[in-house]
Amino acid sequence: MKTWRKTMKRLALFTAIIAIVLSSDCFAGGLTRVGGIGSRAGAMGGAFGATANDSTLFYYNPAGMAQFGTTYVDAGMDVIFPRFKYESHDSSNDAWYAMPYAGIIYPINDDINIGLGLTVPYGQGAEFEKSWPLPKSETLISLTNITPALSLRLADNLYVGAGLNIGYTQFKYQAPFDIKGLFINPIKTDNKADGFGIGATFGILYYPTEKLSLGLTYMSELKADLNGESDISIGPISIHDKFDSDFTFPPRLGIGIAYKLTDRLKMEFDANWYGYSKTVDSMKLSFKKLHFTKTSDMDWRDNYGLHLGAEYRLGNDWWLRGGATYLSKAVPDSTISQLTPDASGWDIALGIECQKEHFSFSAGAIYGWGKNDVERGFGVLYPGKYEAQTITIGAQIGWQF
């Protein structure tokens, strides 16, 4: 009974921490994060669906909770420094985005575990200073999930899990007014909104042998209803209005396979599919006072990610991890612009972790890059060369009671 009360106190404290985190901005660079979430998973290039042994499992595979026989808590932060370039126009060098994650897992008995997690799975943001003929702009769309979850041990080698994603979305659009993507420079707009939506994540973790593990994860689409405020100005004349909108984040299907080559070395390969074509066709802002609806065509396409990672045990307490990722682009040439830059790209990652009895500390770094040469053609408004470069630094601490 005392153990249960202590766990409930930890859950209450953890929920309070989440509330504090959500009171500040949670940003992300790139709607699908190339390098993965967390210093442990990120250091393996996001190849984690068949491992899923820290709080990022609420994103990668909730079935991984069943692996914990005692209460486990961890928290961490990824800080991304993105740099975008369109032709000779560079994004702001001061931009950086902090993305927290945390979780607690509690075993009810030998077969049932419950948990609560915080992750930032999706986000896109780009900030450009004015550089003729392009205007000053800043955009952001991000998703932060709070996920209560349950896992079951169906057999000694088979686990299943499910989580309810309570998603908090932030939206920002600061740029000249546009019609079908064409800027009308004298009219400036500053739009901000946020809102909530509900989705779910399901996972399976299977160990055919002691050395081999297989993971399967499905994250449903999540539609967030947004309420926001807008300032529209022409010179000294300014109009303040409110608007309603919504944004649907795509479903994700992930498959992972991990194999222990030796007692010290394990490798994992993951493949992920993101269903953008099912959800992101356009975004509408319905203004209340002005009584009109502005539609921005997006027409994003399905994309995929390939992740390869490895971890090596250096000694009793130290682990070394490395990984690489390829992610295809989702934004088509017809709607790409400085507001939503995108490119197929790669990343390489490296990380280290120390585990001492019940305590663990890990740190990692990810370098990502990509290019997209958009040719002139019918319906292409902003042809040219797009480049992306990101540096991610992360750290995480964990405690197993």
Protein backbone atom coordinates (compact mmCIF):
# COMPACT_ATOMS: atom_id res chain seq x y z
CA MET A 1 0.00 0.00 0.00
CA LYS A 2 2.88 2.39 0.82
CA THR A 3 4.48 1.63 -2.54
CA TRP A 4 1.23 2.45 -4.32
CA ARG A 5 0.89 5.77 -2.44
CA LYS A 6 4.47 6.71 -3.27
CA THR A 7 3.84 5.95 -6.93
CA MET A 8 0.69 8.08 -6.96
CA LYS A 9 2.68 10.97 -5.45
CA ARG A 10 5.28 10.57 -8.19
CA LEU A 11 2.55 10.55 -10.82
CA ALA A 12 1.06 13.75 -9.34
CA LEU A 13 4.49 15.42 -9.29
CA PHE A 14 5.16 14.30 -12.85
CA THR A 15 1.81 15.69 -14.02
CA ALA A 16 2.67 19.03 -12.39
CA ILE A 17 6.00 19.08 -14.21
CA ILE A 18 4.19 18.45 -17.50
CA ALA A 19 1.83 21.34 -16.79
CA ILE A 20 4.81 23.65 -16.21
CA VAL A 21 6.49 22.48 -19.41
CA LEU A 22 3.33 23.08 -21.43
CA SER A 23 3.05 26.62 -20.13
CA SER A 24 6.14 27.48 -22.17
CA ASP A 25 6.71 27.09 -25.91
CA CYS A 26 7.58 23.66 -27.28
CA PHE A 27 9.15 23.98 -30.70
CA ALA A 28 10.39 21.51 -33.25
CA GLY A 29 12.40 21.83 -36.44
CA GLY A 30 11.06 19.75 -39.29
CA LEU A 31 7.57 18.23 -39.08
CA THR A 32 9.00 14.72 -38.88
CA ARG A 33 12.11 14.68 -36.71
CA VAL A 34 14.89 13.09 -38.74
CA GLY A 35 17.11 12.08 -35.86
CA GLY A 36 14.50 10.68 -33.55
CA ILE A 37 13.41 11.63 -30.04
CA GLY A 38 15.69 11.45 -27.00
CA SER A 39 19.41 11.14 -26.48
CA ARG A 40 19.28 7.32 -26.27
CA ALA A 41 17.03 6.69 -29.29
CA GLY A 42 18.39 9.69 -31.19
CA ALA A 43 21.95 8.41 -30.83
CA MET A 44 20.79 5.24 -32.61
CA GLY A 45 19.38 7.26 -35.49
CA GLY A 46 15.82 6.76 -34.27
CA ALA A 47 16.08 2.97 -34.61
CA PHE A 48 14.28 2.18 -31.37
CA GLY A 49 10.94 0.46 -32.08
CA ALA A 50 12.29 -3.00 -31.19
CA THR A 51 14.23 -1.72 -28.14
CA ALA A 52 11.87 0.83 -26.52
CA ASN A 53 13.45 0.88 -23.05
CA ASP A 54 13.07 4.50 -21.89
CA SER A 55 10.35 7.17 -21.81
CA THR A 56 10.48 7.73 -25.58
CA LEU A 57 8.66 4.37 -25.87
CA PHE A 58 5.42 6.38 -25.57
CA TYR A 59 6.23 7.42 -29.14
CA TYR A 60 8.31 4.48 -30.43
CA ASN A 61 6.43 1.50 -28.98
CA PRO A 62 4.27 1.51 -25.81
CA ALA A 63 4.58 -2.30 -25.56
CA GLY A 64 8.10 -1.65 -24.24
CA MET A 65 6.64 -0.70 -20.84
CA ALA A 66 6.15 -4.40 -20.10
CA GLN A 67 9.94 -4.84 -19.92
CA PHE A 68 10.11 -2.89 -16.62
CA GLY A 69 9.78 -4.88 -13.40
CA THR A 70 10.11 -1.85 -11.09
CA THR A 71 9.06 1.80 -11.23
CA TYR A 72 11.07 3.80 -13.77
CA VAL A 73 11.26 7.59 -14.27
CA ASP A 74 13.30 9.64 -16.71
CA ALA A 75 13.38 13.09 -18.29
CA GLY A 76 15.43 14.77 -20.97
CA MET A 77 15.72 17.60 -23.44
CA ASP A 78 16.68 17.85 -27.10
CA VAL A 79 17.85 21.24 -28.35
CA ILE A 80 17.78 21.71 -32.13
CA PHE A 81 19.69 24.40 -34.02
CA PRO A 82 18.16 24.48 -37.54
CA ARG A 83 19.54 26.35 -40.52
CA PHE A 84 17.58 26.69 -43.76
CA LYS A 85 18.65 28.29 -47.00
CA TYR A 86 16.63 29.22 -50.08
CA GLU A 87 18.85 30.35 -52.94
CA SER A 88 21.03 33.02 -51.27
CA HIS A 89 18.58 33.69 -48.43
CA ASP A 90 19.56 32.22 -45.05
CA SER A 91 17.26 31.58 -42.11
CA SER A 92 17.89 33.27 -38.77
CA ASN A 93 21.13 32.21 -37.09
CA ASP A 94 19.61 32.83 -33.66
CA ALA A 95 16.88 30.19 -33.95
CA TRP A 96 16.96 27.23 -31.58
CA TYR A 97 14.16 24.98 -30.37
CA ALA A 98 14.00 23.07 -27.06
CA MET A 99 11.94 19.86 -26.99
CA PRO A 100 11.45 18.08 -23.66
CA TYR A 101 10.42 14.48 -23.05
CA ALA A 102 9.72 12.58 -19.85
CA GLY A 103 7.93 9.53 -18.55
CA ILE A 104 7.06 7.34 -15.59
CA ILE A 105 6.31 3.60 -15.74
CA TYR A 106 4.77 1.61 -12.91
CA PRO A 107 4.25 -2.20 -12.84
CA ILE A 108 0.85 -3.16 -11.40
CA ASN A 109 1.88 -6.82 -11.33
CA ASP A 110 4.03 -9.20 -13.36
CA ASP A 111 1.79 -8.85 -16.43
CA ILE A 112 0.38 -5.29 -16.39
CA ASN A 113 2.24 -1.97 -16.48
CA ILE A 114 0.87 1.57 -16.64
CA GLY A 115 2.66 4.78 -17.52
CA LEU A 116 2.47 8.44 -18.42
CA GLY A 117 4.71 10.12 -20.97
CA LEU A 118 5.45 13.45 -22.63
CA THR A 119 6.92 13.64 -26.15
CA VAL A 120 7.14 16.18 -29.00
CA PRO A 121 6.82 13.96 -32.10
CA TYR A 122 6.04 16.51 -34.82
CA GLY A 123 6.94 20.10 -35.59
CA GLN A 124 8.01 22.44 -38.35
CA GLY A 125 9.41 25.92 -38.02
CA ALA A 126 11.41 28.32 -40.17
CA GLU A 127 12.43 31.94 -39.61
CA PHE A 128 13.82 34.21 -42.35
CA GLU A 129 14.84 37.85 -42.15
CA LYS A 130 13.74 40.18 -44.95
CA SER A 131 16.00 39.78 -47.98
CA TRP A 132 14.70 41.20 -51.24
CA PRO A 133 12.57 40.00 -52.96
CA LEU A 134 11.53 37.71 -50.10
CA PRO A 135 9.74 39.13 -47.03
CA LYS A 136 10.47 38.60 -43.35
CA SER A 137 8.64 35.48 -42.15
CA GLU A 138 8.31 33.09 -39.22
CA THR A 139 6.26 29.90 -39.20
CA LEU A 140 5.63 27.10 -36.73
CA ILE A 141 3.37 24.07 -36.39
CA SER A 142 4.12 21.63 -33.56
CA LEU A 143 2.57 18.80 -31.56
CA THR A 144 3.23 17.89 -27.92
CA ASN A 145 1.68 14.63 -26.71
CA ILE A 146 0.76 13.64 -23.17
CA THR A 147 0.25 9.87 -23.29
CA PRO A 148 -1.28 7.70 -20.54
CA ALA A 149 -0.58 4.10 -21.57
CA LEU A 150 -1.09 0.45 -20.63
CA SER A 151 1.00 -2.60 -21.52
CA LEU A 152 0.29 -6.32 -21.16
CA ARG A 153 2.62 -9.32 -21.07
CA LEU A 154 0.76 -11.93 -23.15
CA ALA A 155 3.62 -14.46 -22.95
CA ASP A 156 7.22 -14.52 -21.74
CA ASN A 157 8.33 -13.25 -25.16
CA LEU A 158 5.28 -11.25 -26.36
CA TYR A 159 4.17 -7.79 -25.15
CA VAL A 160 1.44 -5.43 -26.36
CA GLY A 161 0.76 -1.82 -25.44
CA ALA A 162 -1.58 1.07 -26.17
CA GLY A 163 -1.58 4.77 -25.33
CA LEU A 164 -4.02 7.67 -25.60
CA ASN A 165 -2.33 10.74 -27.10
CA ILE A 166 -3.66 14.02 -25.72
CA GLY A 167 -2.08 16.41 -28.19
CA TYR A 168 -1.36 20.10 -27.68
CA THR A 169 -0.71 22.00 -30.93
CA GLN A 170 0.90 25.40 -31.48
CA PHE A 171 0.60 27.35 -34.72
CA LYS A 172 2.37 30.54 -35.77
CA TYR A 173 2.32 32.32 -39.13
CA GLN A 174 4.01 35.71 -39.48
CA ALA A 175 4.30 36.82 -43.11
CA PRO A 176 2.71 39.07 -45.71
CA PHE A 177 -0.84 38.13 -46.73
CA ASP A 178 -0.81 35.71 -49.63
CA ILE A 179 -3.27 34.45 -52.22
CA LYS A 180 -2.56 30.89 -53.34
CA GLY A 181 1.02 31.29 -52.16
CA LEU A 182 1.70 34.69 -53.80
CA PHE A 183 2.68 37.35 -51.26
CA ILE A 184 0.90 40.72 -51.17
CA ASN A 185 3.71 42.62 -49.46
CA PRO A 186 1.89 45.76 -48.21
CA ILE A 187 -0.46 43.59 -46.13
CA LYS A 188 1.28 42.06 -43.11
CA THR A 189 -0.20 39.31 -40.94
CA ASP A 190 0.71 37.92 -37.53
CA ASN A 191 -1.29 34.82 -36.61
CA LYS A 192 -0.96 32.69 -33.47
CA ALA A 193 -3.15 29.79 -32.33
CA ASP A 194 -3.16 26.69 -30.17
CA GLY A 195 -5.51 23.83 -29.39
CA PHE A 196 -5.95 20.18 -28.50
CA GLY A 197 -6.72 16.88 -30.21
CA ILE A 198 -6.91 13.17 -29.42
CA GLY A 199 -5.11 10.24 -31.02
CA ALA A 200 -3.74 6.83 -30.07
CA THR A 201 -0.63 4.67 -30.34
CA PHE A 202 -0.53 0.85 -30.44
CA GLY A 203 2.52 -1.39 -30.25
CA ILE A 204 3.72 -5.00 -30.25
CA LEU A 205 7.11 -6.23 -29.03
CA TYR A 206 8.10 -9.85 -29.74
CA TYR A 207 11.25 -11.80 -28.85
CA PRO A 208 11.48 -14.92 -31.08
CA THR A 209 14.89 -15.68 -29.52
CA GLU A 210 17.04 -14.18 -26.77
CA LYS A 211 19.04 -12.27 -29.37
CA LEU A 212 16.27 -11.14 -31.73
CA SER A 213 13.45 -8.67 -31.06
CA LEU A 214 10.73 -7.36 -33.40
CA GLY A 215 8.65 -4.22 -32.92
CA LEU A 216 5.51 -2.99 -34.66
CA THR A 217 3.95 0.42 -33.94
CA TYR A 218 0.98 2.34 -35.28
CA MET A 219 0.26 5.94 -34.29
CA SER A 220 -3.10 7.23 -35.46
CA GLU A 221 -3.71 10.61 -37.05
CA LEU A 222 -4.47 13.44 -34.63
CA LYS A 223 -6.74 16.34 -35.55
CA ALA A 224 -6.25 19.44 -33.39
CA ASP A 225 -8.91 22.17 -33.27
CA LEU A 226 -7.21 25.56 -33.09
CA ASN A 227 -8.34 28.91 -31.72
CA GLY A 228 -6.21 31.93 -32.48
CA GLU A 229 -5.75 35.65 -32.83
CA SER A 230 -4.57 37.64 -35.83
CA ASP A 231 -3.19 41.12 -36.45
CA ILE A 232 -3.54 42.29 -40.04
CA SER A 233 -1.92 45.62 -40.92
CA ILE A 234 -1.43 47.93 -43.89
CA GLY A 235 0.98 50.66 -42.87
CA PRO A 236 -0.45 52.42 -39.76
CA ILE A 237 -3.85 50.72 -40.13
CA SER A 238 -4.22 47.55 -38.05
CA ILE A 239 -7.10 45.11 -37.60
CA HIS A 240 -7.26 42.61 -34.73
CA ASP A 241 -9.41 39.53 -35.24
CA LYS A 242 -9.89 35.99 -33.97
CA PHE A 243 -10.00 32.85 -36.08
CA ASP A 244 -10.71 29.12 -35.93
CA SER A 245 -8.72 26.47 -37.73
CA ASP A 246 -7.57 22.86 -37.48
CA PHE A 247 -4.57 20.79 -38.41
CA THR A 248 -4.33 17.01 -38.74
CA PHE A 249 -1.02 15.35 -37.97
CA PRO A 250 -0.37 12.20 -40.03
CA PRO A 251 -0.58 8.54 -39.00
CA ARG A 252 2.70 6.66 -38.62
CA LEU A 253 3.44 2.97 -39.16
CA GLY A 254 6.78 1.69 -37.87
CA ILE A 255 8.56 -1.66 -38.06
CA GLY A 256 11.78 -2.43 -36.16
CA ILE A 257 14.14 -5.40 -35.91
CA ALA A 258 16.99 -5.61 -33.39
CA TYR A 259 19.64 -8.32 -33.10
CA LYS A 260 22.39 -8.93 -30.53
CA LEU A 261 25.49 -9.82 -32.53
CA THR A 262 27.46 -10.41 -29.33
CA ASP A 263 26.89 -9.98 -25.60
CA ARG A 264 28.13 -6.38 -26.00
CA LEU A 265 26.93 -5.33 -29.47
CA LYS A 266 23.34 -4.87 -30.67
CA MET A 267 22.11 -3.44 -33.98
CA GLU A 268 18.65 -2.29 -35.01
CA PHE A 269 16.96 -1.30 -38.25
CA ASP A 270 13.64 0.56 -38.38
CA ALA A 271 11.41 1.70 -41.25
CA ASN A 272 8.64 4.28 -40.78
CA TRP A 273 5.83 5.47 -43.07
CA TYR A 274 4.02 8.78 -42.54
CA GLY A 275 0.59 9.28 -44.14
CA TYR A 276 0.67 13.00 -44.96
CA SER A 277 -1.43 12.57 -48.11
CA LYS A 278 -4.34 11.36 -45.96
CA THR A 279 -4.39 14.45 -43.76
CA VAL A 280 -2.51 17.55 -44.92
CA ASP A 281 -4.25 18.87 -48.06
CA SER A 282 -4.84 22.46 -46.95
CA MET A 283 -5.13 24.70 -43.90
CA LYS A 284 -8.04 27.10 -43.45
CA LEU A 285 -8.22 30.15 -41.20
CA SER A 286 -11.84 31.19 -40.59
CA PHE A 287 -11.88 34.81 -39.35
CA LYS A 288 -14.77 35.93 -37.16
CA LYS A 289 -15.01 39.73 -37.59
CA LEU A 290 -13.85 39.83 -41.20
CA HIS A 291 -16.21 36.98 -42.15
CA PHE A 292 -13.94 35.24 -44.63
CA THR A 293 -11.88 32.07 -44.77
CA LYS A 294 -8.29 32.01 -45.99
CA THR A 295 -7.17 28.69 -47.48
CA SER A 296 -3.52 27.69 -47.87
CA ASP A 297 -3.00 24.75 -50.21
CA MET A 298 -0.45 22.24 -48.94
CA ASP A 299 -1.03 18.90 -50.72
CA TRP A 300 1.72 17.16 -48.77
CA ARG A 301 2.71 13.63 -49.80
CA ASP A 302 3.40 10.41 -47.90
CA ASN A 303 7.03 10.01 -46.93
CA TYR A 304 9.23 7.43 -45.21
CA GLY A 305 12.22 7.17 -42.92
CA LEU A 306 14.94 4.49 -42.74
CA HIS A 307 16.91 4.20 -39.49
CA LEU A 308 20.01 2.14 -38.66
CA GLY A 309 21.52 2.13 -35.19
CA ALA A 310 23.93 0.25 -32.95
CA GLU A 311 24.85 0.18 -29.27
CA TYR A 312 28.02 -1.25 -27.76
CA ARG A 313 28.67 -1.95 -24.10
CA LEU A 314 32.13 -0.59 -23.30
CA GLY A 315 32.22 -1.99 -19.77
CA ASN A 316 29.94 -2.69 -16.84
CA ASP A 317 28.67 0.90 -16.68
CA TRP A 318 29.23 2.54 -20.08
CA TRP A 319 27.40 2.31 -23.42
CA LEU A 320 28.37 3.80 -26.78
CA ARG A 321 25.72 4.37 -29.49
CA GLY A 322 25.72 5.45 -33.12
CA GLY A 323 23.26 5.67 -35.97
CA ALA A 324 22.25 7.04 -39.35
CA THR A 325 18.91 8.03 -40.89
CA TYR A 326 17.41 8.81 -44.29
CA LEU A 327 14.12 10.73 -44.49
CA SER A 328 12.30 11.53 -47.72
CA LYS A 329 10.60 14.90 -48.24
CA ALA A 330 6.86 15.43 -47.78
CA VAL A 331 6.29 18.94 -49.21
CA PRO A 332 5.81 18.84 -53.03
CA ASP A 333 7.46 21.29 -55.42
CA SER A 334 4.11 22.95 -56.12
CA THR A 335 3.67 24.26 -52.54
CA ILE A 336 7.23 24.49 -51.23
CA SER A 337 8.40 27.96 -50.15
CA GLN A 338 10.45 29.67 -47.46
CA LEU A 339 7.40 29.21 -45.18
CA THR A 340 7.54 25.42 -45.48
CA PRO A 341 11.04 24.45 -46.69
CA ASP A 342 11.64 20.74 -47.08
CA ALA A 343 14.28 18.38 -48.46
CA SER A 344 15.08 14.70 -48.43
CA GLY A 345 17.99 14.32 -46.07
CA TRP A 346 20.36 12.30 -43.93
CA ASP A 347 21.72 12.42 -40.43
CA ILE A 348 24.46 10.78 -38.42
CA ALA A 349 24.35 10.43 -34.64
CA LEU A 350 26.59 9.53 -31.73
CA GLY A 351 25.89 9.14 -28.02
CA ILE A 352 27.20 7.79 -24.73
CA GLU A 353 25.50 6.61 -21.55
CA CYS A 354 26.57 5.78 -18.01
CA GLN A 355 24.48 3.44 -15.86
CA LYS A 356 25.24 3.20 -12.13
CA GLU A 357 22.97 0.89 -10.16
CA HIS A 358 19.56 2.62 -10.34
CA PHE A 359 20.76 5.81 -12.03
CA SER A 360 21.51 6.51 -15.70
CA PHE A 361 22.73 9.53 -17.65
CA SER A 362 22.99 9.75 -21.42
CA ALA A 363 23.99 12.43 -23.91
CA GLY A 364 24.03 12.54 -27.68
CA ALA A 365 24.49 14.70 -30.76
CA ILE A 366 22.92 14.52 -34.23
CA TYR A 367 24.00 16.25 -37.42
CA GLY A 368 21.48 16.37 -40.27
CA TRP A 369 21.60 17.78 -43.79
CA GLY A 370 19.60 17.78 -47.02
CA LYS A 371 19.15 19.53 -50.37
CA ASN A 372 16.21 19.98 -52.73
CA ASP A 373 16.61 21.46 -56.22
CA VAL A 374 13.14 22.61 -57.31
CA GLU A 375 12.95 23.16 -61.06
CA ARG A 376 10.76 25.71 -62.77
CA GLY A 377 7.46 24.34 -64.02
CA PHE A 378 3.73 24.83 -64.19
CA GLY A 379 2.32 25.56 -60.72
CA VAL A 380 5.75 25.95 -59.09
CA LEU A 381 5.81 29.39 -57.41
CA TYR A 382 9.22 29.27 -55.72
CA PRO A 383 11.75 27.26 -57.75
CA GLY A 384 15.37 27.15 -56.70
CA LYS A 385 17.74 25.40 -54.33
CA TYR A 386 16.59 24.61 -50.79
CA GLU A 387 19.10 23.46 -48.19
CA ALA A 388 18.62 22.30 -44.61
CA GLN A 389 21.15 21.69 -41.85
CA THR A 390 20.44 20.81 -38.23
CA ILE A 391 22.51 20.17 -35.13
CA THR A 392 20.77 18.48 -32.20
CA ILE A 393 22.25 18.14 -28.71
CA GLY A 394 20.41 16.15 -26.06
CA ALA A 395 20.76 14.83 -22.52
CA GLN A 396 18.67 12.53 -20.35
CA ILE A 397 18.62 11.26 -16.78
CA GLY A 398 16.76 8.21 -15.52
CA TRP A 399 16.06 6.42 -12.25
CA GLN A 400 14.78 2.90 -11.65
CA PHE A 401 13.35 2.39 -8.15
